């Protein structure tokens, strides 16, 4: 009976050793898998940071280009306003000149009428 107990203890000890070895191997595998995942994660993060930097650079370029276009549009608008104001001033001057000419033509007409009315009619 002692022999059976010793054998059972020896088998149990061997099973515990196998189990411990299997657990150690699983732990090593898990540690390796975790390290690989960390490496993949770090690589992916670096790639994403690079893409983000590229996107930021593109955005800055677009902002700068947009600002330049807006400044150009504003300058063109200001030139158009100046041209419009100059055209308005010229039109106002021309209208004033035409009004003055109309006044002068009317005055001449009135003068001619008055002369015609003042002349005796021939018999």
PDB file of N, CA and C in Angstrom:
ATOM      1  N   UNK A   1       0.796  -1.175   0.000  1.00  0.00           N
ATOM      2  CA  UNK A   1       0.000   0.000   0.000  1.00  0.00           C
ATOM      3  C   UNK A   1       0.856   1.264   0.000  1.00  0.00           C
ATOM      4  N   UNK A   2       1.928   1.171   0.684  1.00  0.00           N
ATOM      5  CA  UNK A   2       2.850   2.289   0.716  1.00  0.00           C
ATOM      6  C   UNK A   2       3.407   2.566  -0.671  1.00  0.00           C
ATOM      7  N   UNK A   3       3.598   1.502  -1.376  1.00  0.00           N
ATOM      8  CA  UNK A   3       4.096   1.637  -2.735  1.00  0.00           C
ATOM      9  C   UNK A   3       3.097   2.388  -3.610  1.00  0.00           C
ATOM     10  N   UNK A   4       1.810   2.056  -3.459  1.00  0.00           N
ATOM     11  CA  UNK A   4       0.771   2.736  -4.253  1.00  0.00           C
ATOM     12  C   UNK A   4       0.697   4.209  -3.899  1.00  0.00           C
ATOM     13  N   UNK A   5       0.843   4.461  -2.599  1.00  0.00           N
ATOM     14  CA  UNK A   5       0.818   5.877  -2.177  1.00  0.00           C
ATOM     15  C   UNK A   5       2.025   6.613  -2.734  1.00  0.00           C
ATOM     16  N   UNK A   6       3.154   5.970  -2.670  1.00  0.00           N
ATOM     17  CA  UNK A   6       4.361   6.620  -3.177  1.00  0.00           C
ATOM     18  C   UNK A   6       4.242   6.866  -4.678  1.00  0.00           C
ATOM     19  N   UNK A   7       3.697   5.863  -5.354  1.00  0.00           N
ATOM     20  CA  UNK A   7       3.510   6.019  -6.793  1.00  0.00           C
ATOM     21  C   UNK A   7       2.501   7.139  -7.077  1.00  0.00           C
ATOM     22  N   UNK A   8       1.433   7.191  -6.330  1.00  0.00           N
ATOM     23  CA  UNK A   8       0.411   8.231  -6.519  1.00  0.00           C
ATOM     24  C   UNK A   8       1.004   9.608  -6.243  1.00  0.00           C
ATOM     25  N   UNK A   9       1.824   9.672  -5.169  1.00  0.00           N
ATOM     26  CA  UNK A   9       2.487  10.955  -4.861  1.00  0.00           C
ATOM     27  C   UNK A   9       3.447  11.342  -5.965  1.00  0.00           C
ATOM     28  N   UNK A  10       4.165  10.364  -6.461  1.00  0.00           N
ATOM     29  CA  UNK A  10       5.128  10.632  -7.522  1.00  0.00           C
ATOM     30  C   UNK A  10       4.403  11.087  -8.780  1.00  0.00           C
ATOM     31  N   UNK A  11       3.277  10.436  -9.103  1.00  0.00           N
ATOM     32  CA  UNK A  11       2.496  10.828 -10.273  1.00  0.00           C
ATOM     33  C   UNK A  11       1.908  12.231 -10.084  1.00  0.00           C
ATOM     34  N   UNK A  12       1.407  12.470  -8.873  1.00  0.00           N
ATOM     35  CA  UNK A  12       0.849  13.800  -8.593  1.00  0.00           C
ATOM     36  C   UNK A  12       1.935  14.855  -8.707  1.00  0.00           C
ATOM     37  N   UNK A  13       3.128  14.539  -8.190  1.00  0.00           N
ATOM     38  CA  UNK A  13       4.248  15.475  -8.267  1.00  0.00           C
ATOM     39  C   UNK A  13       4.634  15.697  -9.732  1.00  0.00           C
ATOM     40  N   UNK A  14       4.639  14.611 -10.513  1.00  0.00           N
ATOM     41  CA  UNK A  14       4.976  14.728 -11.932  1.00  0.00           C
ATOM     42  C   UNK A  14       3.923  15.548 -12.657  1.00  0.00           C
ATOM     43  N   UNK A  15       2.644  15.318 -12.328  1.00  0.00           N
ATOM     44  CA  UNK A  15       1.565  16.092 -12.952  1.00  0.00           C
ATOM     45  C   UNK A  15       1.669  17.563 -12.597  1.00  0.00           C
ATOM     46  N   UNK A  16       1.990  17.821 -11.306  1.00  0.00           N
ATOM     47  CA  UNK A  16       2.164  19.223 -10.893  1.00  0.00           C
ATOM     48  C   UNK A  16       3.327  19.860 -11.640  1.00  0.00           C
ATOM     49  N   UNK A  17       4.393  19.117 -11.823  1.00  0.00           N
ATOM     50  CA  UNK A  17       5.551  19.639 -12.560  1.00  0.00           C
ATOM     51  C   UNK A  17       5.179  19.913 -14.012  1.00  0.00           C
ATOM     52  N   UNK A  18       4.435  18.980 -14.632  1.00  0.00           N
ATOM     53  CA  UNK A  18       3.996  19.175 -16.006  1.00  0.00           C
ATOM     54  C   UNK A  18       3.066  20.382 -16.106  1.00  0.00           C
ATOM     55  N   UNK A  19       2.170  20.470 -15.122  1.00  0.00           N
ATOM     56  CA  UNK A  19       1.227  21.594 -15.109  1.00  0.00           C
ATOM     57  C   UNK A  19       1.978  22.909 -14.951  1.00  0.00           C
ATOM     58  N   UNK A  20       2.954  22.927 -14.049  1.00  0.00           N
ATOM     59  CA  UNK A  20       3.751  24.137 -13.835  1.00  0.00           C
ATOM     60  C   UNK A  20       4.522  24.484 -15.100  1.00  0.00           C
ATOM     61  N   UNK A  21       5.077  23.474 -15.768  1.00  0.00           N
ATOM     62  CA  UNK A  21       5.814  23.717 -17.008  1.00  0.00           C
ATOM     63  C   UNK A  21       4.870  24.256 -18.081  1.00  0.00           C
ATOM     64  N   UNK A  22       3.673  23.646 -18.152  1.00  0.00           N
ATOM     65  CA  UNK A  22       2.700  24.116 -19.137  1.00  0.00           C
ATOM     66  C   UNK A  22       2.284  25.552 -18.843  1.00  0.00           C
ATOM     67  N   UNK A  23       2.071  25.875 -17.558  1.00  0.00           N
ATOM     68  CA  UNK A  23       1.716  27.250 -17.181  1.00  0.00           C
ATOM     69  C   UNK A  23       2.838  28.217 -17.520  1.00  0.00           C
ATOM     70  N   UNK A  24       4.085  27.809 -17.257  1.00  0.00           N
ATOM     71  CA  UNK A  24       5.229  28.661 -17.595  1.00  0.00           C
ATOM     72  C   UNK A  24       5.289  28.911 -19.099  1.00  0.00           C
ATOM     73  N   UNK A  25       5.042  27.849 -19.869  1.00  0.00           N
ATOM     74  CA  UNK A  25       5.058  27.991 -21.327  1.00  0.00           C
ATOM     75  C   UNK A  25       3.937  28.909 -21.798  1.00  0.00           C
ATOM     76  N   UNK A  26       2.746  28.763 -21.210  1.00  0.00           N
ATOM     77  CA  UNK A  26       1.619  29.643 -21.554  1.00  0.00           C
ATOM     78  C   UNK A  26       1.936  31.084 -21.209  1.00  0.00           C
ATOM     79  N   UNK A  27       2.549  31.280 -20.044  1.00  0.00           N
ATOM     80  CA  UNK A  27       2.914  32.649 -19.641  1.00  0.00           C
ATOM     81  C   UNK A  27       3.908  33.256 -20.620  1.00  0.00           C
ATOM     82  N   UNK A  28       4.911  32.446 -21.015  1.00  0.00           N
ATOM     83  CA  UNK A  28       5.896  32.947 -21.989  1.00  0.00           C
ATOM     84  C   UNK A  28       5.212  33.278 -23.312  1.00  0.00           C
ATOM     85  N   UNK A  29       4.297  32.404 -23.745  1.00  0.00           N
ATOM     86  CA  UNK A  29       3.575  32.661 -24.990  1.00  0.00           C
ATOM     87  C   UNK A  29       2.751  33.943 -24.885  1.00  0.00           C
ATOM     88  N   UNK A  30       2.065  34.107 -23.745  1.00  0.00           N
ATOM     89  CA  UNK A  30       1.271  35.323 -23.533  1.00  0.00           C
ATOM     90  C   UNK A  30       2.145  36.563 -23.499  1.00  0.00           C
ATOM     91  N   UNK A  31       3.282  36.464 -22.811  1.00  0.00           N
ATOM     92  CA  UNK A  31       4.205  37.605 -22.761  1.00  0.00           C
ATOM     93  C   UNK A  31       4.692  37.934 -24.171  1.00  0.00           C
ATOM     94  N   UNK A  32       5.027  36.904 -24.942  1.00  0.00           N
ATOM     95  CA  UNK A  32       5.468  37.125 -26.320  1.00  0.00           C
ATOM     96  C   UNK A  32       4.371  37.758 -27.161  1.00  0.00           C
ATOM     97  N   UNK A  33       3.144  37.239 -27.010  1.00  0.00           N
ATOM     98  CA  UNK A  33       2.018  37.794 -27.762  1.00  0.00           C
ATOM     99  C   UNK A  33       1.757  39.239 -27.362  1.00  0.00           C
ATOM    100  N   UNK A  34       1.834  39.525 -26.067  1.00  0.00           N
ATOM    101  CA  UNK A  34       1.636  40.904 -25.599  1.00  0.00           C
ATOM    102  C   UNK A  34       2.724  41.826 -26.139  1.00  0.00           C
ATOM    103  N   UNK A  35       3.961  41.352 -26.132  1.00  0.00           N
ATOM    104  CA  UNK A  35       5.055  42.167 -26.687  1.00  0.00           C
ATOM    105  C   UNK A  35       4.830  42.446 -28.166  1.00  0.00           C
ATOM    106  N   UNK A  36       4.386  41.422 -28.882  1.00  0.00           N
ATOM    107  CA  UNK A  36       4.109  41.601 -30.307  1.00  0.00           C
ATOM    108  C   UNK A  36       2.975  42.604 -30.516  1.00  0.00           C
ATOM    109  N   UNK A  37       1.933  42.496 -29.699  1.00  0.00           N
ATOM    110  CA  UNK A  37       0.828  43.457 -29.784  1.00  0.00           C
ATOM    111  C   UNK A  37       1.295  44.871 -29.467  1.00  0.00           C
ATOM    112  N   UNK A  38       2.146  44.997 -28.453  1.00  0.00           N
ATOM    113  CA  UNK A  38       2.685  46.334 -28.110  1.00  0.00           C
ATOM    114  C   UNK A  38       3.488  46.902 -29.266  1.00  0.00           C
ATOM    115  N   UNK A  39       4.310  46.052 -29.887  1.00  0.00           N
ATOM    116  CA  UNK A  39       5.109  46.506 -31.034  1.00  0.00           C
ATOM    117  C   UNK A  39       4.191  46.947 -32.182  1.00  0.00           C
ATOM    118  N   UNK A  40       3.171  46.122 -32.478  1.00  0.00           N
ATOM    119  CA  UNK A  40       2.231  46.472 -33.539  1.00  0.00           C
ATOM    120  C   UNK A  40       1.514  47.774 -33.210  1.00  0.00           C
ATOM    121  N   UNK A  41       1.115  47.910 -31.956  1.00  0.00           N
ATOM    122  CA  UNK A  41       0.422  49.125 -31.518  1.00  0.00           C
ATOM    123  C   UNK A  41       1.336  50.336 -31.672  1.00  0.00           C
ATOM    124  N   UNK A  42       2.581  50.194 -31.245  1.00  0.00           N
ATOM    125  CA  UNK A  42       3.532  51.308 -31.353  1.00  0.00           C
ATOM    126  C   UNK A  42       3.772  51.670 -32.814  1.00  0.00           C
ATOM    127  N   UNK A  43       3.904  50.664 -33.680  1.00  0.00           N
ATOM    128  CA  UNK A  43       4.109  50.921 -35.105  1.00  0.00           C
ATOM    129  C   UNK A  43       2.897  51.631 -35.702  1.00  0.00           C
ATOM    130  N   UNK A  44       1.713  51.155 -35.359  1.00  0.00           N
ATOM    131  CA  UNK A  44       0.482  51.766 -35.855  1.00  0.00           C
ATOM    132  C   UNK A  44       0.361  53.206 -35.370  1.00  0.00           C
ATOM    133  N   UNK A  45       0.699  53.432 -34.107  1.00  0.00           N
ATOM    134  CA  UNK A  45       0.647  54.803 -33.578  1.00  0.00           C
ATOM    135  C   UNK A  45       1.617  55.714 -34.321  1.00  0.00           C
ATOM    136  N   UNK A  46       2.823  55.216 -34.594  1.00  0.00           N
ATOM    137  CA  UNK A  46       3.790  56.022 -35.342  1.00  0.00           C
ATOM    138  C   UNK A  46       3.267  56.350 -36.742  1.00  0.00           C
ATOM    139  N   UNK A  47       2.662  55.352 -37.401  1.00  0.00           N
ATOM    140  CA  UNK A  47       2.101  55.591 -38.729  1.00  0.00           C
ATOM    141  C   UNK A  47       0.974  56.625 -38.665  1.00  0.00           C
ATOM    142  N   UNK A  48       0.116  56.484 -37.656  1.00  0.00           N
ATOM    143  CA  UNK A  48      -0.995  57.433 -37.512  1.00  0.00           C
ATOM    144  C   UNK A  48      -0.485  58.837 -37.201  1.00  0.00           C
ATOM    145  N   UNK A  49       0.559  58.928 -36.386  1.00  0.00           N
ATOM    146  CA  UNK A  49       1.136  60.253 -36.100  1.00  0.00           C
ATOM    147  C   UNK A  49       1.690  60.881 -37.370  1.00  0.00           C
ATOM    148  N   UNK A  50       2.335  60.050 -38.194  1.00  0.00           N
ATOM    149  CA  UNK A  50       2.859  60.555 -39.468  1.00  0.00           C
ATOM    150  C   UNK A  50       1.737  61.053 -40.366  1.00  0.00           C
ATOM    151  N   UNK A  51       0.659  60.284 -40.449  1.00  0.00           N
ATOM    152  CA  UNK A  51      -0.484  60.712 -41.253  1.00  0.00           C
ATOM    153  C   UNK A  51      -1.096  61.986 -40.699  1.00  0.00           C
ATOM    154  N   UNK A  52      -1.180  62.070 -39.372  1.00  0.00           N
ATOM    155  CA  UNK A  52      -1.730  63.267 -38.746  1.00  0.00           C
ATOM    156  C   UNK A  52      -0.851  64.480 -39.056  1.00  0.00           C
ATOM    157  N   UNK A  53       0.466  64.307 -38.988  1.00  0.00           N
ATOM    158  CA  UNK A  53       1.365  65.411 -39.326  1.00  0.00           C
ATOM    159  C   UNK A  53       1.183  65.829 -40.785  1.00  0.00           C
ATOM    160  N   UNK A  54       1.042  64.826 -41.666  1.00  0.00           N
ATOM    161  CA  UNK A  54       0.809  65.147 -43.081  1.00  0.00           C
ATOM    162  C   UNK A  54      -0.503  65.906 -43.257  1.00  0.00           C
ATOM    163  N   UNK A  55      -1.540  65.456 -42.559  1.00  0.00           N
ATOM    164  CA  UNK A  55      -2.845  66.124 -42.653  1.00  0.00           C
ATOM    165  C   UNK A  55      -2.753  67.553 -42.129  1.00  0.00           C
ATOM    166  N   UNK A  56      -2.027  67.730 -41.057  1.00  0.00           N
ATOM    167  CA  UNK A  56      -1.863  69.092 -40.501  1.00  0.00           C
ATOM    168  C   UNK A  56      -1.132  69.991 -41.487  1.00  0.00           C
ATOM    169  N   UNK A  57      -0.082  69.456 -42.111  1.00  0.00           N
ATOM    170  CA  UNK A  57       0.669  70.244 -43.092  1.00  0.00           C
ATOM    171  C   UNK A  57      -0.229  70.614 -44.274  1.00  0.00           C
ATOM    172  N   UNK A  58      -1.023  69.661 -44.723  1.00  0.00           N
ATOM    173  CA  UNK A  58      -1.950  69.933 -45.832  1.00  0.00           C
ATOM    174  C   UNK A  58      -2.958  70.991 -45.422  1.00  0.00           C
ATOM    175  N   UNK A  59      -3.471  70.866 -44.212  1.00  0.00           N
ATOM    176  CA  UNK A  59      -4.443  71.848 -43.719  1.00  0.00           C
ATOM    177  C   UNK A  59      -3.824  73.237 -43.652  1.00  0.00           C
ATOM    178  N   UNK A  60      -2.598  73.333 -43.201  1.00  0.00           N
ATOM    179  CA  UNK A  60      -1.924  74.635 -43.141  1.00  0.00           C
ATOM    180  C   UNK A  60      -1.766  75.227 -44.537  1.00  0.00           C
ATOM    181  N   UNK A  61      -1.414  74.364 -45.497  1.00  0.00           N
ATOM    182  CA  UNK A  61      -1.275  74.835 -46.880  1.00  0.00           C
ATOM    183  C   UNK A  61      -2.609  75.340 -47.401  1.00  0.00           C
ATOM    184  N   UNK A  62      -3.665  74.570 -47.125  1.00  0.00           N
ATOM    185  CA  UNK A  62      -5.001  74.977 -47.579  1.00  0.00           C
ATOM    186  C   UNK A  62      -5.405  76.283 -46.911  1.00  0.00           C
ATOM    187  N   UNK A  63      -5.120  76.407 -45.628  1.00  0.00           N
ATOM    188  CA  UNK A  63      -5.449  77.661 -44.924  1.00  0.00           C
ATOM    189  C   UNK A  63      -4.710  78.838 -45.530  1.00  0.00           C
ATOM    190  N   UNK A  64      -3.423  78.652 -45.786  1.00  0.00           N
ATOM    191  CA  UNK A  64      -2.620  79.736 -46.353  1.00  0.00           C
ATOM    192  C   UNK A  64      -3.133  80.097 -47.747  1.00  0.00           C
ATOM    193  N   UNK A  65      -3.420  79.073 -48.560  1.00  0.00           N
ATOM    194  CA  UNK A  65      -3.938  79.335 -49.909  1.00  0.00           C
ATOM    195  C   UNK A  65      -5.286  80.037 -49.845  1.00  0.00           C
ATOM    196  N   UNK A  66      -6.137  79.586 -48.938  1.00  0.00           N
ATOM    197  CA  UNK A  66      -7.460  80.200 -48.783  1.00  0.00           C
ATOM    198  C   UNK A  66      -7.326  81.656 -48.348  1.00  0.00           C
ATOM    199  N   UNK A  67      -6.439  81.899 -47.409  1.00  0.00           N
ATOM    200  CA  UNK A  67      -6.226  83.276 -46.943  1.00  0.00           C
ATOM    201  C   UNK A  67      -5.733  84.157 -48.092  1.00  0.00           C
ATOM    202  N   UNK A  68      -4.851  83.621 -48.917  1.00  0.00           N
ATOM    203  CA  UNK A  68      -4.333  84.389 -50.053  1.00  0.00           C
ATOM    204  C   UNK A  68      -5.453  84.687 -51.050  1.00  0.00           C
ATOM    205  N   UNK A  69      -6.291  83.690 -51.309  1.00  0.00           N
ATOM    206  CA  UNK A  69      -7.411  83.895 -52.247  1.00  0.00           C
ATOM    207  C   UNK A  69      -8.387  84.925 -51.689  1.00  0.00           C
ATOM    208  N   UNK A  70      -8.678  84.833 -50.399  1.00  0.00           N
ATOM    209  CA  UNK A  70      -9.598  85.793 -49.769  1.00  0.00           C
ATOM    210  C   UNK A  70      -9.020  87.202 -49.852  1.00  0.00           C
ATOM    211  N   UNK A  71      -7.725  87.342 -49.591  1.00  0.00           N
ATOM    212  CA  UNK A  71      -7.087  88.658 -49.669  1.00  0.00           C
ATOM    213  C   UNK A  71      -7.156  89.199 -51.098  1.00  0.00           C
ATOM    214  N   UNK A  72      -6.955  88.324 -52.073  1.00  0.00           N
ATOM    215  CA  UNK A  72      -7.024  88.735 -53.465  1.00  0.00           C
ATOM    216  C   UNK A  72      -8.442  89.176 -53.832  1.00  0.00           C
ATOM    217  N   UNK A  73      -9.425  88.416 -53.375  1.00  0.00           N
ATOM    218  CA  UNK A  73     -10.826  88.756 -53.647  1.00  0.00           C
ATOM    219  C   UNK A  73     -11.178  90.095 -53.000  1.00  0.00           C
ATOM    220  N   UNK A  74     -10.726  90.309 -51.779  1.00  0.00           N
ATOM    221  CA  UNK A  74     -11.006  91.579 -51.101  1.00  0.00           C
ATOM    222  C   UNK A  74     -10.352  92.748 -51.827  1.00  0.00           C
ATOM    223  N   UNK A  75      -9.121  92.549 -52.282  1.00  0.00           N
ATOM    224  CA  UNK A  75      -8.435  93.619 -53.016  1.00  0.00           C
ATOM    225  C   UNK A  75      -9.181  93.931 -54.308  1.00  0.00           C
ATOM    226  N   UNK A  76      -9.630  92.878 -54.999  1.00  0.00           N
ATOM    227  CA  UNK A  76     -10.399  93.082 -56.234  1.00  0.00           C
ATOM    228  C   UNK A  76     -11.712  93.804 -55.931  1.00  0.00           C
ATOM    229  N   UNK A  77     -12.366  93.422 -54.841  1.00  0.00           N
ATOM    230  CA  UNK A  77     -13.613  94.083 -54.446  1.00  0.00           C
ATOM    231  C   UNK A  77     -13.356  95.569 -54.156  1.00  0.00           C
ATOM    232  N   UNK A  78     -12.252  95.867 -53.456  1.00  0.00           N
ATOM    233  CA  UNK A  78     -11.932  97.259 -53.143  1.00  0.00           C
ATOM    234  C   UNK A  78     -11.658  98.055 -54.419  1.00  0.00           C
ATOM    235  N   UNK A  79     -10.947  97.416 -55.378  1.00  0.00           N
ATOM    236  CA  UNK A  79     -10.698  98.114 -56.651  1.00  0.00           C
ATOM    237  C   UNK A  79     -12.013  98.360 -57.392  1.00  0.00           C
ATOM    238  N   UNK A  80     -12.901  97.367 -57.358  1.00  0.00           N
ATOM    239  CA  UNK A  80     -14.198  97.522 -58.024  1.00  0.00           C
ATOM    240  C   UNK A  80     -15.001  98.643 -57.367  1.00  0.00           C
ATOM    241  N   UNK A  81     -14.947  98.728 -56.048  1.00  0.00           N
ATOM    242  CA  UNK A  81     -15.650  99.817 -55.351  1.00  0.00           C
ATOM    243  C   UNK A  81     -15.089 101.170 -55.756  1.00  0.00           C
ATOM    244  N   UNK A  82     -13.761 101.254 -55.829  1.00  0.00           N
ATOM    245  CA  UNK A  82     -13.143 102.517 -56.238  1.00  0.00           C
ATOM    246  C   UNK A  82     -13.552 102.889 -57.659  1.00  0.00           C
ATOM    247  N   UNK A  83     -13.554 101.881 -58.535  1.00  0.00           N
ATOM    248  CA  UNK A  83     -13.975 102.138 -59.921  1.00  0.00           C
ATOM    249  C   UNK A  83     -15.423 102.600 -59.961  1.00  0.00           C
ATOM    250  N   UNK A  84     -16.280 101.965 -59.161  1.00  0.00           N
ATOM    251  CA  UNK A  84     -17.693 102.336 -59.111  1.00  0.00           C
ATOM    252  C   UNK A  84     -17.851 103.767 -58.601  1.00  0.00           C
ATOM    253  N   UNK A  85     -17.136 104.105 -57.550  1.00  0.00           N
ATOM    254  CA  UNK A  85     -17.205 105.473 -57.015  1.00  0.00           C
ATOM    255  C   UNK A  85     -16.733 106.488 -58.053  1.00  0.00           C
ATOM    256  N   UNK A  86     -15.672 106.155 -58.780  1.00  0.00           N
ATOM    257  CA  UNK A  86     -15.177 107.060 -59.822  1.00  0.00           C
ATOM    258  C   UNK A  86     -16.226 107.212 -60.928  1.00  0.00           C
ATOM    259  N   UNK A  87     -16.853 106.091 -61.305  1.00  0.00           N
ATOM    260  CA  UNK A  87     -17.894 106.141 -62.344  1.00  0.00           C
ATOM    261  C   UNK A  87     -19.087 106.963 -61.862  1.00  0.00           C
ATOM    262  N   UNK A  88     -19.461 106.799 -60.599  1.00  0.00           N
ATOM    263  CA  UNK A  88     -20.568 107.586 -60.040  1.00  0.00           C
ATOM    264  C   UNK A  88     -20.236 109.079 -60.061  1.00  0.00           C
ATOM    265  N   UNK A  89     -19.002 109.394 -59.679  1.00  0.00           N
ATOM    266  CA  UNK A  89     -18.589 110.803 -59.666  1.00  0.00           C
ATOM    267  C   UNK A  89     -18.623 111.375 -61.086  1.00  0.00           C
ATOM    268  N   UNK A  90     -18.137 110.599 -62.059  1.00  0.00           N
ATOM    269  CA  UNK A  90     -18.166 111.058 -63.454  1.00  0.00           C
ATOM    270  C   UNK A  90     -19.603 111.234 -63.930  1.00  0.00           C
ATOM    271  N   UNK A  91     -20.468 110.292 -63.560  1.00  0.00           N
ATOM    272  CA  UNK A  91     -21.877 110.381 -63.963  1.00  0.00           C
ATOM    273  C   UNK A  91     -22.530 111.594 -63.327  1.00  0.00           C
ATOM    274  N   UNK A  92     -22.218 111.875 -62.081  1.00  0.00           N
ATOM    275  CA  UNK A  92     -22.787 113.041 -61.400  1.00  0.00           C
ATOM    276  C   UNK A  92     -22.309 114.325 -62.075  1.00  0.00           C
ATOM    277  N   UNK A  93     -21.036 114.360 -62.428  1.00  0.00           N
ATOM    278  CA  UNK A  93     -20.495 115.534 -63.112  1.00  0.00           C
ATOM    279  C   UNK A  93     -21.156 115.710 -64.476  1.00  0.00           C
ATOM    280  N   UNK A  94     -21.306 114.588 -65.212  1.00  0.00           N
ATOM    281  CA  UNK A  94     -21.948 114.663 -66.530  1.00  0.00           C
ATOM    282  C   UNK A  94     -23.397 115.106 -66.391  1.00  0.00           C
ATOM    283  N   UNK A  95     -24.100 114.593 -65.378  1.00  0.00           N
ATOM    284  CA  UNK A  95     -25.501 114.997 -65.159  1.00  0.00           C
ATOM    285  C   UNK A  95     -25.580 116.477 -64.826  1.00  0.00           C
ATOM    286  N   UNK A  96     -24.662 116.965 -64.002  1.00  0.00           N
ATOM    287  CA  UNK A  96     -24.665 118.400 -63.665  1.00  0.00           C
ATOM    288  C   UNK A  96     -24.386 119.233 -64.908  1.00  0.00           C
ATOM    289  N   UNK A  97     -23.444 118.779 -65.740  1.00  0.00           N
ATOM    290  CA  UNK A  97     -23.153 119.506 -66.986  1.00  0.00           C
ATOM    291  C   UNK A  97     -24.374 119.524 -67.896  1.00  0.00           C
ATOM    292  N   UNK A  98     -25.057 118.362 -68.011  1.00  0.00           N
ATOM    293  CA  UNK A  98     -26.256 118.301 -68.857  1.00  0.00           C
ATOM    294  C   UNK A  98     -27.366 119.204 -68.321  1.00  0.00           C
ATOM    295  N   UNK A  99     -27.528 119.235 -67.000  1.00  0.00           N
ATOM    296  CA  UNK A  99     -28.537 120.132 -66.413  1.00  0.00           C
ATOM    297  C   UNK A  99     -28.198 121.586 -66.734  1.00  0.00           C
ATOM    298  N   UNK A 100     -26.930 121.911 -66.628  1.00  0.00           N
ATOM    299  CA  UNK A 100     -26.519 123.292 -66.930  1.00  0.00           C
ATOM    300  C   UNK A 100     -26.754 123.615 -68.398  1.00  0.00           C
ATOM    301  N   UNK A 101     -26.433 122.656 -69.274  1.00  0.00           N
ATOM    302  CA  UNK A 101     -26.679 122.880 -70.704  1.00  0.00           C
ATOM    303  C   UNK A 101     -28.162 123.039 -70.980  1.00  0.00           C
ATOM    304  N   UNK A 102     -28.987 122.216 -70.303  1.00  0.00           N
ATOM    305  CA  UNK A 102     -30.433 122.326 -70.480  1.00  0.00           C
ATOM    306  C   UNK A 102     -30.920 123.696 -70.042  1.00  0.00           C
ATOM    307  N   UNK A 103     -30.405 124.163 -68.921  1.00  0.00           N
ATOM    308  CA  UNK A 103     -30.776 125.501 -68.437  1.00  0.00           C
ATOM    309  C   UNK A 103     -30.394 126.560 -69.474  1.00  0.00           C
ATOM    310  N   UNK A 104     -29.197 126.427 -70.044  1.00  0.00           N
ATOM    311  CA  UNK A 104     -28.723 127.394 -71.037  1.00  0.00           C
ATOM    312  C   UNK A 104     -29.551 127.335 -72.316  1.00  0.00           C
ATOM    313  N   UNK A 105     -29.902 126.077 -72.755  1.00  0.00           N
ATOM    314  CA  UNK A 105     -30.721 125.926 -73.969  1.00  0.00           C
ATOM    315  C   UNK A 105     -32.100 126.526 -73.739  1.00  0.00           C
ATOM    316  N   UNK A 106     -32.678 126.278 -72.585  1.00  0.00           N
ATOM    317  CA  UNK A 106     -33.990 126.854 -72.277  1.00  0.00           C
ATOM    318  C   UNK A 106     -33.926 128.385 -72.254  1.00  0.00           C
ATOM    319  N   UNK A 107     -32.848 128.867 -71.667  1.00  0.00           N
ATOM    320  CA  UNK A 107     -32.692 130.336 -71.623  1.00  0.00           C
ATOM    321  C   UNK A 107     -32.584 130.897 -73.033  1.00  0.00           C
ATOM    322  N   UNK A 108     -31.822 130.235 -73.906  1.00  0.00           N
ATOM    323  CA  UNK A 108     -31.694 130.689 -75.298  1.00  0.00           C
ATOM    324  C   UNK A 108     -33.039 130.620 -76.000  1.00  0.00           C
ATOM    325  N   UNK A 109     -33.767 129.516 -75.769  1.00  0.00           N
ATOM    326  CA  UNK A 109     -35.093 129.363 -76.368  1.00  0.00           C
ATOM    327  C   UNK A 109     -36.003 130.509 -75.935  1.00  0.00           C
ATOM    328  N   UNK A 110     -35.984 130.795 -74.634  1.00  0.00           N
ATOM    329  CA  UNK A 110     -36.827 131.882 -74.123  1.00  0.00           C
ATOM    330  C   UNK A 110     -36.419 133.215 -74.743  1.00  0.00           C
ATOM    331  N   UNK A 111     -35.134 133.412 -74.914  1.00  0.00           N
ATOM    332  CA  UNK A 111     -34.628 134.652 -75.526  1.00  0.00           C
ATOM    333  C   UNK A 111     -35.102 134.748 -76.966  1.00  0.00           C
ATOM    334  N   UNK A 112     -35.007 133.654 -77.709  1.00  0.00           N
ATOM    335  CA  UNK A 112     -35.434 133.650 -79.106  1.00  0.00           C
ATOM    336  C   UNK A 112     -36.932 133.900 -79.192  1.00  0.00           C
ATOM    337  N   UNK A 113     -37.708 133.282 -78.330  1.00  0.00           N
ATOM    338  CA  UNK A 113     -39.157 133.509 -78.316  1.00  0.00           C
ATOM    339  C   UNK A 113     -39.479 134.977 -78.046  1.00  0.00           C
ATOM    340  N   UNK A 114     -38.769 135.496 -77.072  1.00  0.00           N
ATOM    341  CA  UNK A 114     -39.026 136.901 -76.725  1.00  0.00           C
ATOM    342  C   UNK A 114     -38.708 137.807 -77.896  1.00  0.00           C
ATOM    343  N   UNK A 115     -37.638 137.545 -78.619  1.00  0.00           N
ATOM    344  CA  UNK A 115     -37.276 138.366 -79.785  1.00  0.00           C
ATOM    345  C   UNK A 115     -38.336 138.239 -80.883  1.00  0.00           C
ATOM    346  N   UNK A 116     -38.743 136.976 -81.071  1.00  0.00           N
ATOM    347  CA  UNK A 116     -39.749 136.750 -82.102  1.00  0.00           C
ATOM    348  C   UNK A 116     -41.060 137.462 -81.762  1.00  0.00           C
ATOM    349  N   UNK A 117     -41.414 137.441 -80.528  1.00  0.00           N
ATOM    350  CA  UNK A 117     -42.641 138.101 -80.119  1.00  0.00           C
ATOM    351  C   UNK A 117     -42.515 139.619 -80.157  1.00  0.00           C
ATOM    352  N   UNK A 118     -41.315 140.127 -79.981  1.00  0.00           N
ATOM    353  CA  UNK A 118     -41.096 141.550 -79.971  1.00  0.00           C
ATOM    354  C   UNK A 118     -41.011 142.137 -81.395  1.00  0.00           C
ATOM    355  N   UNK A 119     -40.727 141.359 -82.394  1.00  0.00           N
ATOM    356  CA  UNK A 119     -40.627 141.840 -83.781  1.00  0.00           C
ATOM    357  C   UNK A 119     -42.003 142.107 -84.337  1.00  0.00           C
ATOM    358  N   UNK A 120     -42.112 143.237 -85.009  1.00  0.00           N
ATOM    359  CA  UNK A 120     -43.399 143.477 -85.660  1.00  0.00           C
ATOM    360  C   UNK A 120     -43.529 142.546 -86.866  1.00  0.00           C
ATOM    361  N   UNK A 121     -44.695 142.140 -87.115  1.00  0.00           N
ATOM    362  CA  UNK A 121     -44.929 141.244 -88.225  1.00  0.00           C
ATOM    363  C   UNK A 121     -44.989 142.045 -89.498  1.00  0.00           C
ATOM    364  N   UNK A 122     -44.385 141.563 -90.534  1.00  0.00           N
ATOM    365  CA  UNK A 122     -44.469 142.278 -91.821  1.00  0.00           C
ATOM    366  C   UNK A 122     -45.878 142.173 -92.396  1.00  0.00           C
ATOM    367  N   UNK A 123     -46.259 143.238 -93.085  1.00  0.00           N
ATOM    368  CA  UNK A 123     -47.638 143.269 -93.592  1.00  0.00           C
ATOM    369  C   UNK A 123     -47.740 142.475 -94.809  1.00  0.00           C
TER     370      UNK A 123
END
